[in-house]
Amino acid sequence: MQSSYYHRLVSVIALSSALLATLLPHPVNALPEHVSCCGPITPAGDRLAATLDSMNVESLWLAHEHVNWETGEPDRGADDEGPGNHSHCSAFAAAAAKRLGVYLLRPPEHGQVLLANAQAEWLGSAAAQKSGWQRVADMREAQRLANQGNLVLVLFPNPDKHVPGHIAIIRPSEKSSTALQENGPQIIQAGNHNHASTNVRIGFLNHPGAWPDGVLYYVHSLP
């Protein structure tokens, strides 16, 4: 008799726990700062991250070197743009997009000098929309789309067209809403400092007016 009562009690507790789990937005023991702001990283998101990491951005596309835009390797023999010792955020973004099967304005259609500004202008054009690029409303949606395995760009077109802007790729991340609000989406970038993984606030630090309100987000689905 006691055994039967015990088993019924265990069943009631298990059923109550299952029902409670469906009613709560997050697990009971999950603190808000540990809950992903923008959904889980999907298998497509994992594949995107693996492709981006395979490009070894912290060793290639280094500032103060003239580089091959597509490989990031030093290319001092080419002198088509003077010393070519600027940073290479836009070349890396274009190379990553090409590797992922997506067109982003790149050489030879535009040289590497001031390419980020030109890419920003191009992304807002009808040609970019026809190619599949769309504007993203905000940083939360941008991070969510990256987590799902889409190619998402964040960029700052410099108001002075003669001064470089900046561009980076949002990488999948299950960061919290607090971290997103404070620092923006997670990114991979070339620049004055190359980072396989940092955030928008840090990555765009050298561009006054960029973070948080001066950056734009664009997305392209991947094949």
N, C-alpha and C. Protein backbone atom coordinates (compact mmCIF):
# COMPACT_ATOMS: atom_id res chain seq x y z
N MET A 1 0.83 -1.20 0.00
CA MET A 1 0.00 0.00 0.00
C MET A 1 0.86 1.25 0.00
N GLN A 2 1.89 1.24 0.89
CA GLN A 2 2.79 2.38 0.96
C GLN A 2 3.56 2.55 -0.34
N SER A 3 3.93 1.41 -0.95
CA SER A 3 4.67 1.46 -2.22
C SER A 3 3.82 2.10 -3.31
N SER A 4 2.54 1.72 -3.35
CA SER A 4 1.65 2.29 -4.36
C SER A 4 1.48 3.79 -4.15
N TYR A 5 1.33 4.21 -2.91
CA TYR A 5 1.21 5.65 -2.61
C TYR A 5 2.47 6.40 -3.02
N TYR A 6 3.61 5.78 -2.75
CA TYR A 6 4.90 6.41 -3.07
C TYR A 6 5.03 6.63 -4.58
N HIS A 7 4.66 5.62 -5.35
CA HIS A 7 4.79 5.75 -6.80
C HIS A 7 3.85 6.81 -7.35
N ARG A 8 2.62 6.88 -6.79
CA ARG A 8 1.69 7.92 -7.23
C ARG A 8 2.23 9.31 -6.90
N LEU A 9 2.85 9.44 -5.71
CA LEU A 9 3.41 10.72 -5.31
C LEU A 9 4.54 11.15 -6.25
N VAL A 10 5.41 10.21 -6.59
CA VAL A 10 6.51 10.51 -7.51
C VAL A 10 5.96 10.93 -8.87
N SER A 11 4.91 10.27 -9.34
CA SER A 11 4.31 10.61 -10.65
C SER A 11 3.73 12.01 -10.63
N VAL A 12 3.06 12.37 -9.52
CA VAL A 12 2.48 13.71 -9.41
C VAL A 12 3.56 14.77 -9.42
N ILE A 13 4.65 14.53 -8.69
CA ILE A 13 5.76 15.49 -8.65
C ILE A 13 6.38 15.66 -10.03
N ALA A 14 6.59 14.55 -10.73
CA ALA A 14 7.20 14.62 -12.07
C ALA A 14 6.30 15.38 -13.03
N LEU A 15 4.99 15.11 -12.96
CA LEU A 15 4.06 15.80 -13.84
C LEU A 15 4.00 17.29 -13.54
N SER A 16 4.05 17.63 -12.26
CA SER A 16 4.02 19.04 -11.87
C SER A 16 5.27 19.76 -12.35
N SER A 17 6.43 19.11 -12.26
CA SER A 17 7.68 19.72 -12.71
C SER A 17 7.66 19.96 -14.21
N ALA A 18 7.13 18.96 -14.96
CA ALA A 18 7.07 19.11 -16.42
C ALA A 18 6.14 20.25 -16.81
N LEU A 19 5.00 20.34 -16.13
CA LEU A 19 4.06 21.42 -16.43
C LEU A 19 4.66 22.78 -16.11
N LEU A 20 5.38 22.88 -14.99
CA LEU A 20 6.02 24.13 -14.61
C LEU A 20 7.05 24.55 -15.64
N ALA A 21 7.80 23.59 -16.16
CA ALA A 21 8.84 23.90 -17.15
C ALA A 21 8.24 24.48 -18.42
N THR A 22 7.05 24.01 -18.79
CA THR A 22 6.42 24.56 -20.01
C THR A 22 5.88 25.95 -19.80
N LEU A 23 5.58 26.32 -18.56
CA LEU A 23 5.02 27.63 -18.28
C LEU A 23 6.08 28.70 -18.11
N LEU A 24 7.27 28.30 -17.68
CA LEU A 24 8.34 29.27 -17.45
C LEU A 24 9.08 29.55 -18.74
N PRO A 25 9.50 30.82 -18.99
CA PRO A 25 10.22 31.13 -20.23
C PRO A 25 11.61 30.56 -20.25
N HIS A 26 12.22 30.30 -19.09
CA HIS A 26 13.57 29.77 -19.01
C HIS A 26 13.60 28.76 -17.88
N PRO A 27 14.58 27.86 -17.84
CA PRO A 27 14.70 26.93 -16.74
C PRO A 27 14.75 27.66 -15.40
N VAL A 28 14.24 26.99 -14.36
CA VAL A 28 14.13 27.63 -13.05
C VAL A 28 15.47 28.13 -12.55
N ASN A 29 16.56 27.37 -12.82
CA ASN A 29 17.86 27.74 -12.28
C ASN A 29 18.68 28.60 -13.23
N ALA A 30 18.09 29.08 -14.32
CA ALA A 30 18.82 29.91 -15.28
C ALA A 30 18.63 31.38 -14.94
N LEU A 31 19.72 32.05 -14.59
CA LEU A 31 19.67 33.47 -14.29
C LEU A 31 19.57 34.27 -15.59
N PRO A 32 18.91 35.43 -15.58
CA PRO A 32 18.74 36.22 -16.81
C PRO A 32 20.06 36.51 -17.52
N GLU A 33 21.14 36.75 -16.75
CA GLU A 33 22.40 37.09 -17.40
C GLU A 33 23.05 35.90 -18.09
N HIS A 34 22.50 34.70 -17.87
CA HIS A 34 23.04 33.51 -18.51
C HIS A 34 22.15 33.00 -19.64
N VAL A 35 21.09 33.70 -19.93
CA VAL A 35 20.16 33.30 -20.98
C VAL A 35 20.53 34.01 -22.28
N SER A 36 20.58 33.26 -23.37
CA SER A 36 20.95 33.85 -24.65
C SER A 36 19.98 34.95 -25.05
N CYS A 37 20.54 36.06 -25.49
CA CYS A 37 19.71 37.20 -25.91
C CYS A 37 18.94 36.92 -27.17
N CYS A 38 19.49 36.04 -28.01
CA CYS A 38 19.06 36.02 -29.40
C CYS A 38 18.86 34.60 -29.94
N GLY A 39 18.54 33.69 -29.06
CA GLY A 39 18.27 32.33 -29.49
C GLY A 39 19.52 31.47 -29.57
N PRO A 40 19.33 30.17 -29.70
CA PRO A 40 20.47 29.25 -29.74
C PRO A 40 21.24 29.33 -31.05
N ILE A 41 22.45 28.83 -31.02
CA ILE A 41 23.24 28.71 -32.25
C ILE A 41 22.83 27.42 -32.94
N THR A 42 22.35 27.53 -34.14
CA THR A 42 21.89 26.37 -34.90
C THR A 42 23.07 25.65 -35.54
N PRO A 43 22.86 24.44 -36.09
CA PRO A 43 23.94 23.78 -36.83
C PRO A 43 24.49 24.65 -37.96
N ALA A 44 23.62 25.40 -38.62
CA ALA A 44 24.10 26.32 -39.67
C ALA A 44 24.97 27.41 -39.06
N GLY A 45 24.62 27.87 -37.85
CA GLY A 45 25.45 28.84 -37.16
C GLY A 45 26.81 28.27 -36.81
N ASP A 46 26.85 27.01 -36.40
CA ASP A 46 28.13 26.36 -36.11
C ASP A 46 28.99 26.28 -37.36
N ARG A 47 28.38 25.98 -38.50
CA ARG A 47 29.14 25.89 -39.75
C ARG A 47 29.68 27.26 -40.15
N LEU A 48 28.87 28.30 -39.95
CA LEU A 48 29.33 29.66 -40.24
C LEU A 48 30.53 30.01 -39.38
N ALA A 49 30.45 29.74 -38.08
CA ALA A 49 31.56 30.05 -37.18
C ALA A 49 32.82 29.29 -37.57
N ALA A 50 32.67 28.02 -37.96
CA ALA A 50 33.83 27.22 -38.35
C ALA A 50 34.50 27.79 -39.60
N THR A 51 33.70 28.23 -40.56
CA THR A 51 34.27 28.83 -41.77
C THR A 51 35.00 30.12 -41.46
N LEU A 52 34.40 30.97 -40.64
CA LEU A 52 35.05 32.23 -40.27
C LEU A 52 36.35 31.97 -39.52
N ASP A 53 36.34 31.03 -38.59
CA ASP A 53 37.55 30.73 -37.82
C ASP A 53 38.65 30.16 -38.70
N SER A 54 38.27 29.44 -39.76
CA SER A 54 39.27 28.82 -40.63
C SER A 54 40.06 29.85 -41.42
N MET A 55 39.64 31.10 -41.42
CA MET A 55 40.31 32.13 -42.20
C MET A 55 41.51 32.74 -41.48
N ASN A 56 41.71 32.39 -40.21
CA ASN A 56 42.90 32.81 -39.46
C ASN A 56 43.13 34.32 -39.51
N VAL A 57 42.08 35.07 -39.18
CA VAL A 57 42.16 36.52 -39.34
C VAL A 57 43.19 37.16 -38.41
N GLU A 58 43.52 36.53 -37.32
CA GLU A 58 44.50 37.14 -36.40
C GLU A 58 45.93 37.01 -36.91
N SER A 59 46.12 36.21 -37.97
CA SER A 59 47.46 36.05 -38.56
C SER A 59 47.55 36.63 -39.96
N LEU A 60 46.43 36.93 -40.57
CA LEU A 60 46.38 37.44 -41.94
C LEU A 60 45.62 38.76 -41.97
N TRP A 61 45.62 39.43 -43.12
CA TRP A 61 44.97 40.75 -43.27
C TRP A 61 45.46 41.72 -42.19
N LEU A 62 46.76 41.68 -41.91
CA LEU A 62 47.32 42.51 -40.84
C LEU A 62 47.51 43.95 -41.31
N ALA A 63 47.23 44.88 -40.43
CA ALA A 63 47.44 46.29 -40.73
C ALA A 63 48.91 46.57 -40.98
N HIS A 64 49.16 47.64 -41.75
CA HIS A 64 50.52 48.09 -42.07
C HIS A 64 51.26 47.12 -42.99
N GLU A 65 50.52 46.26 -43.66
CA GLU A 65 51.06 45.40 -44.70
C GLU A 65 50.20 45.56 -45.94
N HIS A 66 50.83 45.56 -47.12
CA HIS A 66 50.05 45.47 -48.34
C HIS A 66 49.70 44.00 -48.52
N VAL A 67 48.41 43.67 -48.66
CA VAL A 67 48.01 42.27 -48.70
C VAL A 67 47.19 41.95 -49.94
N ASN A 68 47.19 40.69 -50.30
CA ASN A 68 46.24 40.19 -51.27
C ASN A 68 44.87 40.20 -50.62
N TRP A 69 43.90 40.88 -51.22
CA TRP A 69 42.61 41.07 -50.55
C TRP A 69 41.91 39.76 -50.24
N GLU A 70 42.12 38.75 -51.09
CA GLU A 70 41.36 37.51 -50.95
C GLU A 70 41.99 36.54 -49.95
N THR A 71 43.31 36.52 -49.86
CA THR A 71 43.99 35.57 -48.97
C THR A 71 44.48 36.20 -47.68
N GLY A 72 44.66 37.52 -47.69
CA GLY A 72 45.21 38.19 -46.52
C GLY A 72 46.72 38.07 -46.40
N GLU A 73 47.34 37.39 -47.35
CA GLU A 73 48.80 37.23 -47.31
C GLU A 73 49.49 38.53 -47.72
N PRO A 74 50.65 38.83 -47.12
CA PRO A 74 51.42 40.02 -47.54
C PRO A 74 51.72 39.95 -49.03
N ASP A 75 51.62 41.09 -49.68
CA ASP A 75 51.77 41.15 -51.13
C ASP A 75 52.51 42.42 -51.48
N ARG A 76 53.71 42.55 -50.99
CA ARG A 76 54.47 43.81 -51.14
C ARG A 76 54.85 44.08 -52.58
N GLY A 77 54.78 43.05 -53.43
CA GLY A 77 55.15 43.27 -54.81
C GLY A 77 54.14 44.11 -55.56
N ALA A 78 52.89 44.12 -55.09
CA ALA A 78 51.85 44.90 -55.76
C ALA A 78 51.82 46.30 -55.17
N ASP A 79 51.82 47.29 -56.01
CA ASP A 79 51.85 48.68 -55.53
C ASP A 79 50.82 49.50 -56.27
N ASP A 80 49.63 48.90 -56.46
CA ASP A 80 48.61 49.58 -57.25
C ASP A 80 47.95 50.70 -56.47
N GLU A 81 48.14 50.74 -55.14
CA GLU A 81 47.47 51.76 -54.34
C GLU A 81 48.46 52.45 -53.40
N GLY A 82 49.65 52.74 -53.89
CA GLY A 82 50.65 53.37 -53.04
C GLY A 82 51.21 52.38 -52.05
N PRO A 83 51.54 52.83 -50.84
CA PRO A 83 52.18 51.95 -49.87
C PRO A 83 51.28 50.80 -49.41
N GLY A 84 49.96 50.97 -49.44
CA GLY A 84 49.06 49.88 -49.08
C GLY A 84 49.20 49.41 -47.65
N ASN A 85 49.50 50.35 -46.74
CA ASN A 85 49.75 49.94 -45.36
C ASN A 85 48.58 50.27 -44.44
N HIS A 86 47.40 50.47 -45.02
CA HIS A 86 46.21 50.73 -44.22
C HIS A 86 45.72 49.41 -43.61
N SER A 87 44.65 49.45 -42.84
CA SER A 87 44.07 48.23 -42.30
C SER A 87 43.15 47.59 -43.35
N HIS A 88 42.69 46.38 -43.08
CA HIS A 88 42.05 45.60 -44.15
C HIS A 88 40.70 45.01 -43.73
N CYS A 89 39.91 45.77 -42.99
CA CYS A 89 38.60 45.27 -42.55
C CYS A 89 37.72 44.91 -43.73
N SER A 90 37.70 45.78 -44.73
CA SER A 90 36.81 45.59 -45.88
C SER A 90 37.28 44.46 -46.78
N ALA A 91 38.60 44.28 -46.92
CA ALA A 91 39.12 43.18 -47.72
C ALA A 91 38.78 41.85 -47.06
N PHE A 92 38.92 41.78 -45.73
CA PHE A 92 38.57 40.54 -45.03
C PHE A 92 37.08 40.25 -45.17
N ALA A 93 36.23 41.25 -45.02
CA ALA A 93 34.78 41.04 -45.15
C ALA A 93 34.45 40.53 -46.55
N ALA A 94 35.06 41.12 -47.57
CA ALA A 94 34.81 40.69 -48.94
C ALA A 94 35.31 39.27 -49.18
N ALA A 95 36.48 38.95 -48.63
CA ALA A 95 37.03 37.60 -48.80
C ALA A 95 36.17 36.56 -48.10
N ALA A 96 35.69 36.88 -46.89
CA ALA A 96 34.81 35.95 -46.17
C ALA A 96 33.51 35.75 -46.92
N ALA A 97 32.94 36.84 -47.43
CA ALA A 97 31.69 36.73 -48.20
C ALA A 97 31.89 35.85 -49.43
N LYS A 98 33.01 36.03 -50.12
CA LYS A 98 33.27 35.21 -51.30
C LYS A 98 33.40 33.74 -50.93
N ARG A 99 34.09 33.46 -49.83
CA ARG A 99 34.25 32.08 -49.39
C ARG A 99 32.90 31.46 -49.05
N LEU A 100 31.98 32.28 -48.59
CA LEU A 100 30.64 31.80 -48.22
C LEU A 100 29.67 31.81 -49.40
N GLY A 101 30.15 32.20 -50.57
CA GLY A 101 29.32 32.17 -51.76
C GLY A 101 28.44 33.38 -51.96
N VAL A 102 28.82 34.51 -51.36
CA VAL A 102 28.02 35.74 -51.43
C VAL A 102 28.86 36.86 -52.02
N TYR A 103 28.26 37.68 -52.88
CA TYR A 103 28.99 38.82 -53.43
C TYR A 103 28.85 40.02 -52.51
N LEU A 104 29.99 40.61 -52.18
CA LEU A 104 30.09 41.91 -51.51
C LEU A 104 31.08 42.74 -52.32
N LEU A 105 30.80 44.00 -52.51
CA LEU A 105 31.69 44.86 -53.30
C LEU A 105 33.14 44.61 -52.92
N ARG A 106 33.99 44.40 -53.93
CA ARG A 106 35.37 43.95 -53.69
C ARG A 106 36.22 44.31 -54.91
N PRO A 107 37.56 44.16 -54.80
CA PRO A 107 38.40 44.31 -55.98
C PRO A 107 38.04 43.22 -57.02
N PRO A 108 38.14 43.51 -58.30
CA PRO A 108 38.64 44.75 -58.90
C PRO A 108 37.58 45.83 -59.08
N GLU A 109 36.33 45.56 -58.71
CA GLU A 109 35.29 46.58 -58.89
C GLU A 109 35.58 47.83 -58.07
N HIS A 110 36.27 47.67 -56.95
CA HIS A 110 36.71 48.82 -56.14
C HIS A 110 38.01 48.43 -55.45
N GLY A 111 38.98 49.35 -55.43
CA GLY A 111 40.25 49.08 -54.77
C GLY A 111 40.09 48.97 -53.25
N GLN A 112 41.16 48.55 -52.58
CA GLN A 112 41.09 48.36 -51.14
C GLN A 112 41.04 49.67 -50.36
N VAL A 113 41.57 50.74 -50.93
CA VAL A 113 41.57 52.02 -50.23
C VAL A 113 40.14 52.56 -50.13
N LEU A 114 39.71 52.88 -48.90
CA LEU A 114 38.37 53.40 -48.61
C LEU A 114 37.27 52.45 -49.08
N LEU A 115 37.56 51.17 -49.09
CA LEU A 115 36.60 50.18 -49.56
C LEU A 115 35.41 50.05 -48.61
N ALA A 116 35.62 50.19 -47.29
CA ALA A 116 34.51 50.04 -46.34
C ALA A 116 33.42 51.09 -46.60
N ASN A 117 33.82 52.31 -46.85
CA ASN A 117 32.83 53.35 -47.17
C ASN A 117 32.07 53.00 -48.45
N ALA A 118 32.80 52.50 -49.44
CA ALA A 118 32.17 52.13 -50.71
C ALA A 118 31.23 50.94 -50.51
N GLN A 119 31.62 49.99 -49.68
CA GLN A 119 30.75 48.84 -49.40
C GLN A 119 29.46 49.29 -48.71
N ALA A 120 29.58 50.24 -47.79
CA ALA A 120 28.39 50.76 -47.11
C ALA A 120 27.44 51.40 -48.11
N GLU A 121 27.99 52.18 -49.02
CA GLU A 121 27.14 52.83 -50.03
C GLU A 121 26.51 51.79 -50.94
N TRP A 122 27.30 50.79 -51.33
CA TRP A 122 26.79 49.74 -52.22
C TRP A 122 25.69 48.92 -51.55
N LEU A 123 25.86 48.61 -50.27
CA LEU A 123 24.86 47.80 -49.56
C LEU A 123 23.50 48.48 -49.50
N GLY A 124 23.49 49.80 -49.58
CA GLY A 124 22.23 50.52 -49.58
C GLY A 124 21.63 50.70 -50.95
N SER A 125 22.23 50.11 -51.96
CA SER A 125 21.79 50.31 -53.34
C SER A 125 20.81 49.22 -53.78
N ALA A 126 20.16 49.50 -54.89
CA ALA A 126 19.25 48.52 -55.48
C ALA A 126 19.99 47.28 -55.95
N ALA A 127 21.23 47.47 -56.41
CA ALA A 127 22.03 46.33 -56.87
C ALA A 127 22.27 45.35 -55.73
N ALA A 128 22.56 45.85 -54.54
CA ALA A 128 22.78 44.97 -53.39
C ALA A 128 21.50 44.25 -53.01
N GLN A 129 20.39 44.95 -53.02
CA GLN A 129 19.11 44.32 -52.70
C GLN A 129 18.78 43.23 -53.71
N LYS A 130 19.07 43.48 -54.96
CA LYS A 130 18.83 42.48 -56.00
C LYS A 130 19.73 41.27 -55.79
N SER A 131 20.91 41.49 -55.21
CA SER A 131 21.84 40.40 -54.94
C SER A 131 21.47 39.61 -53.69
N GLY A 132 20.47 40.10 -52.92
CA GLY A 132 20.04 39.35 -51.75
C GLY A 132 20.32 39.99 -50.41
N TRP A 133 20.93 41.17 -50.40
CA TRP A 133 21.23 41.85 -49.14
C TRP A 133 20.00 42.61 -48.64
N GLN A 134 19.80 42.57 -47.31
CA GLN A 134 18.70 43.29 -46.69
C GLN A 134 19.19 44.01 -45.44
N ARG A 135 18.62 45.17 -45.18
CA ARG A 135 18.93 45.93 -43.97
C ARG A 135 18.31 45.23 -42.76
N VAL A 136 19.03 45.22 -41.65
CA VAL A 136 18.55 44.62 -40.40
C VAL A 136 18.20 45.74 -39.44
N ALA A 137 17.09 45.59 -38.74
CA ALA A 137 16.55 46.70 -37.94
C ALA A 137 17.41 47.06 -36.75
N ASP A 138 17.94 46.07 -36.03
CA ASP A 138 18.66 46.37 -34.79
C ASP A 138 19.65 45.28 -34.47
N MET A 139 20.44 45.50 -33.41
CA MET A 139 21.53 44.58 -33.08
C MET A 139 21.02 43.24 -32.56
N ARG A 140 19.88 43.22 -31.90
CA ARG A 140 19.35 41.95 -31.40
C ARG A 140 18.97 41.03 -32.57
N GLU A 141 18.30 41.61 -33.56
CA GLU A 141 17.93 40.84 -34.73
C GLU A 141 19.18 40.42 -35.51
N ALA A 142 20.18 41.29 -35.54
CA ALA A 142 21.43 40.97 -36.24
C ALA A 142 22.11 39.75 -35.60
N GLN A 143 22.19 39.73 -34.27
CA GLN A 143 22.81 38.60 -33.59
C GLN A 143 21.98 37.33 -33.76
N ARG A 144 20.66 37.45 -33.73
CA ARG A 144 19.79 36.29 -33.91
C ARG A 144 19.99 35.68 -35.29
N LEU A 145 20.06 36.52 -36.32
CA LEU A 145 20.24 36.03 -37.68
C LEU A 145 21.60 35.35 -37.85
N ALA A 146 22.64 35.89 -37.22
CA ALA A 146 23.95 35.25 -37.27
C ALA A 146 23.91 33.90 -36.58
N ASN A 147 23.23 33.81 -35.44
CA ASN A 147 23.11 32.53 -34.73
C ASN A 147 22.44 31.47 -35.59
N GLN A 148 21.59 31.91 -36.50
CA GLN A 148 20.90 30.98 -37.38
C GLN A 148 21.71 30.62 -38.62
N GLY A 149 22.91 31.20 -38.75
CA GLY A 149 23.79 30.83 -39.85
C GLY A 149 23.74 31.74 -41.05
N ASN A 150 23.25 32.96 -40.89
CA ASN A 150 23.25 33.93 -41.98
C ASN A 150 24.51 34.80 -41.92
N LEU A 151 24.90 35.33 -43.07
CA LEU A 151 26.01 36.27 -43.12
C LEU A 151 25.48 37.65 -42.75
N VAL A 152 25.94 38.20 -41.63
CA VAL A 152 25.48 39.49 -41.14
C VAL A 152 26.67 40.42 -40.99
N LEU A 153 26.56 41.59 -41.56
CA LEU A 153 27.61 42.60 -41.48
C LEU A 153 27.20 43.73 -40.57
N VAL A 154 28.18 44.30 -39.88
CA VAL A 154 27.98 45.55 -39.15
C VAL A 154 29.01 46.52 -39.69
N LEU A 155 28.59 47.74 -40.02
CA LEU A 155 29.52 48.67 -40.64
C LEU A 155 29.24 50.10 -40.22
N PHE A 156 30.29 50.88 -40.34
CA PHE A 156 30.21 52.31 -40.04
C PHE A 156 30.71 53.07 -41.24
N PRO A 157 29.80 53.70 -42.01
CA PRO A 157 30.25 54.54 -43.11
C PRO A 157 30.70 55.89 -42.55
N ASN A 158 31.95 56.23 -42.75
CA ASN A 158 32.46 57.48 -42.19
C ASN A 158 31.79 58.66 -42.88
N PRO A 159 31.26 59.61 -42.10
CA PRO A 159 30.65 60.80 -42.71
C PRO A 159 31.60 61.56 -43.63
N ASP A 160 32.91 61.50 -43.31
CA ASP A 160 33.92 62.09 -44.17
C ASP A 160 34.38 61.01 -45.15
N LYS A 161 33.99 61.12 -46.40
CA LYS A 161 34.26 60.09 -47.38
C LYS A 161 35.75 59.88 -47.63
N HIS A 162 36.58 60.81 -47.16
CA HIS A 162 38.02 60.69 -47.36
C HIS A 162 38.71 60.02 -46.17
N VAL A 163 37.93 59.64 -45.16
CA VAL A 163 38.45 58.96 -43.97
C VAL A 163 37.85 57.56 -43.92
N PRO A 164 38.66 56.54 -43.65
CA PRO A 164 38.13 55.17 -43.68
C PRO A 164 36.98 54.95 -42.71
N GLY A 165 36.02 54.15 -43.15
CA GLY A 165 34.99 53.62 -42.26
C GLY A 165 35.44 52.29 -41.71
N HIS A 166 34.49 51.47 -41.29
CA HIS A 166 34.86 50.17 -40.73
C HIS A 166 33.74 49.18 -41.00
N ILE A 167 34.12 47.89 -41.14
CA ILE A 167 33.15 46.83 -41.38
C ILE A 167 33.63 45.57 -40.69
N ALA A 168 32.70 44.78 -40.15
CA ALA A 168 33.01 43.52 -39.48
C ALA A 168 31.89 42.54 -39.73
N ILE A 169 32.13 41.28 -39.40
CA ILE A 169 31.14 40.22 -39.57
C ILE A 169 30.68 39.76 -38.20
N ILE A 170 29.37 39.66 -38.02
CA ILE A 170 28.84 39.18 -36.76
C ILE A 170 28.95 37.66 -36.72
N ARG A 171 29.56 37.17 -35.63
CA ARG A 171 29.73 35.73 -35.48
C ARG A 171 28.69 35.21 -34.49
N PRO A 172 28.26 33.96 -34.63
CA PRO A 172 27.29 33.40 -33.70
C PRO A 172 27.77 33.48 -32.26
N SER A 173 26.86 33.80 -31.37
CA SER A 173 27.18 33.92 -29.94
C SER A 173 25.90 33.82 -29.13
N GLU A 174 25.96 33.07 -28.03
CA GLU A 174 24.83 32.97 -27.12
C GLU A 174 25.00 33.91 -25.94
N LYS A 175 25.44 35.13 -26.22
CA LYS A 175 25.63 36.11 -25.16
C LYS A 175 24.30 36.52 -24.56
N SER A 176 24.36 37.08 -23.37
CA SER A 176 23.15 37.48 -22.66
C SER A 176 22.62 38.81 -23.19
N SER A 177 21.39 39.14 -22.81
CA SER A 177 20.82 40.42 -23.18
C SER A 177 21.62 41.57 -22.59
N THR A 178 22.12 41.39 -21.36
CA THR A 178 22.93 42.43 -20.72
C THR A 178 24.21 42.68 -21.50
N ALA A 179 24.89 41.60 -21.89
CA ALA A 179 26.13 41.73 -22.66
C ALA A 179 25.86 42.37 -24.01
N LEU A 180 24.75 42.01 -24.63
CA LEU A 180 24.41 42.59 -25.93
C LEU A 180 24.17 44.09 -25.78
N GLN A 181 23.43 44.47 -24.77
CA GLN A 181 23.10 45.88 -24.57
C GLN A 181 24.34 46.71 -24.29
N GLU A 182 25.28 46.16 -23.52
CA GLU A 182 26.47 46.90 -23.13
C GLU A 182 27.52 46.96 -24.25
N ASN A 183 27.64 45.88 -25.01
CA ASN A 183 28.76 45.78 -25.94
C ASN A 183 28.39 45.49 -27.39
N GLY A 184 27.12 45.19 -27.65
CA GLY A 184 26.73 44.88 -29.01
C GLY A 184 26.99 43.44 -29.38
N PRO A 185 26.66 43.06 -30.61
CA PRO A 185 26.87 41.69 -31.08
C PRO A 185 28.35 41.29 -31.06
N GLN A 186 28.57 39.99 -31.14
CA GLN A 186 29.94 39.46 -31.22
C GLN A 186 30.39 39.50 -32.67
N ILE A 187 31.66 39.84 -32.90
CA ILE A 187 32.14 40.01 -34.27
C ILE A 187 33.49 39.34 -34.48
N ILE A 188 33.82 39.13 -35.74
CA ILE A 188 35.16 38.78 -36.19
C ILE A 188 35.56 39.86 -37.17
N GLN A 189 36.81 40.33 -37.08
CA GLN A 189 37.20 41.47 -37.92
C GLN A 189 38.70 41.54 -38.15
N ALA A 190 39.05 42.17 -39.27
CA ALA A 190 40.38 42.74 -39.46
C ALA A 190 40.26 44.23 -39.17
N GLY A 191 41.39 44.87 -38.90
CA GLY A 191 41.36 46.29 -38.60
C GLY A 191 42.71 46.73 -38.08
N ASN A 192 42.73 47.82 -37.31
CA ASN A 192 43.97 48.18 -36.64
C ASN A 192 44.42 47.06 -35.71
N HIS A 193 43.43 46.38 -35.14
CA HIS A 193 43.67 45.15 -34.38
C HIS A 193 42.73 44.09 -34.93
N ASN A 194 43.28 42.94 -35.28
CA ASN A 194 42.47 41.85 -35.80
C ASN A 194 41.97 41.00 -34.64
N HIS A 195 40.70 40.61 -34.71
CA HIS A 195 40.09 39.81 -33.64
C HIS A 195 39.28 38.68 -34.25
N ALA A 196 39.54 37.45 -33.81
CA ALA A 196 38.67 36.34 -34.19
C ALA A 196 37.34 36.42 -33.47
N SER A 197 37.36 37.03 -32.27
CA SER A 197 36.11 37.19 -31.52
C SER A 197 36.24 38.37 -30.57
N THR A 198 35.44 39.39 -30.82
CA THR A 198 35.34 40.54 -29.93
C THR A 198 33.91 41.06 -30.06
N ASN A 199 33.65 42.26 -29.58
CA ASN A 199 32.30 42.81 -29.71
C ASN A 199 32.34 44.13 -30.48
N VAL A 200 31.17 44.60 -30.86
CA VAL A 200 31.09 45.81 -31.70
C VAL A 200 31.67 47.02 -30.97
N ARG A 201 31.39 47.15 -29.70
CA ARG A 201 31.88 48.32 -28.95
C ARG A 201 33.40 48.40 -29.02
N ILE A 202 34.08 47.29 -28.80
CA ILE A 202 35.54 47.27 -28.84
C ILE A 202 36.04 47.37 -30.27
N GLY A 203 35.43 46.61 -31.18
CA GLY A 203 35.91 46.57 -32.55
C GLY A 203 35.82 47.90 -33.28
N PHE A 204 34.84 48.73 -32.91
CA PHE A 204 34.64 50.02 -33.57
C PHE A 204 35.13 51.18 -32.72
N LEU A 205 35.95 50.89 -31.72
CA LEU A 205 36.40 51.90 -30.77
C LEU A 205 37.17 53.04 -31.42
N ASN A 206 37.91 52.73 -32.48
CA ASN A 206 38.73 53.76 -33.14
C ASN A 206 37.96 54.62 -34.13
N HIS A 207 36.63 54.47 -34.14
CA HIS A 207 35.81 55.22 -35.09
C HIS A 207 34.77 56.02 -34.31
N PRO A 208 35.10 57.24 -33.92
CA PRO A 208 34.16 58.07 -33.16
C PRO A 208 32.82 58.21 -33.87
N GLY A 209 31.75 58.05 -33.10
CA GLY A 209 30.42 58.16 -33.67
C GLY A 209 29.84 56.84 -34.14
N ALA A 210 30.64 55.77 -34.10
CA ALA A 210 30.16 54.49 -34.59
C ALA A 210 29.25 53.80 -33.58
N TRP A 211 29.80 53.43 -32.44
CA TRP A 211 29.02 52.72 -31.42
C TRP A 211 28.37 53.71 -30.46
N PRO A 212 27.08 53.54 -30.15
CA PRO A 212 26.20 52.45 -30.61
C PRO A 212 25.27 52.83 -31.76
N ASP A 213 25.13 54.12 -32.02
CA ASP A 213 24.06 54.56 -32.93
C ASP A 213 24.50 54.80 -34.36
N GLY A 214 25.80 54.74 -34.63
CA GLY A 214 26.26 55.06 -35.98
C GLY A 214 26.48 53.85 -36.87
N VAL A 215 26.30 52.64 -36.32
CA VAL A 215 26.55 51.44 -37.12
C VAL A 215 25.27 50.96 -37.80
N LEU A 216 25.47 50.29 -38.91
CA LEU A 216 24.37 49.71 -39.69
C LEU A 216 24.55 48.20 -39.77
N TYR A 217 23.44 47.49 -39.94
CA TYR A 217 23.48 46.03 -40.03
C TYR A 217 22.82 45.58 -41.33
N TYR A 218 23.47 44.62 -42.01
CA TYR A 218 22.91 44.02 -43.22
C TYR A 218 23.06 42.50 -43.15
N VAL A 219 22.11 41.79 -43.79
CA VAL A 219 22.13 40.34 -43.77
C VAL A 219 21.97 39.78 -45.17
N HIS A 220 22.60 38.63 -45.38
CA HIS A 220 22.43 37.85 -46.61
C HIS A 220 22.32 36.39 -46.20
N SER A 221 21.28 35.70 -46.64
CA SER A 221 21.18 34.28 -46.36
C SER A 221 22.28 33.53 -47.10
N LEU A 222 22.67 32.38 -46.56
CA LEU A 222 23.75 31.61 -47.17
C LEU A 222 23.20 30.43 -47.97
N PRO A 223 23.91 30.07 -49.03
CA PRO A 223 23.47 28.92 -49.84
C PRO A 223 23.36 27.66 -48.98
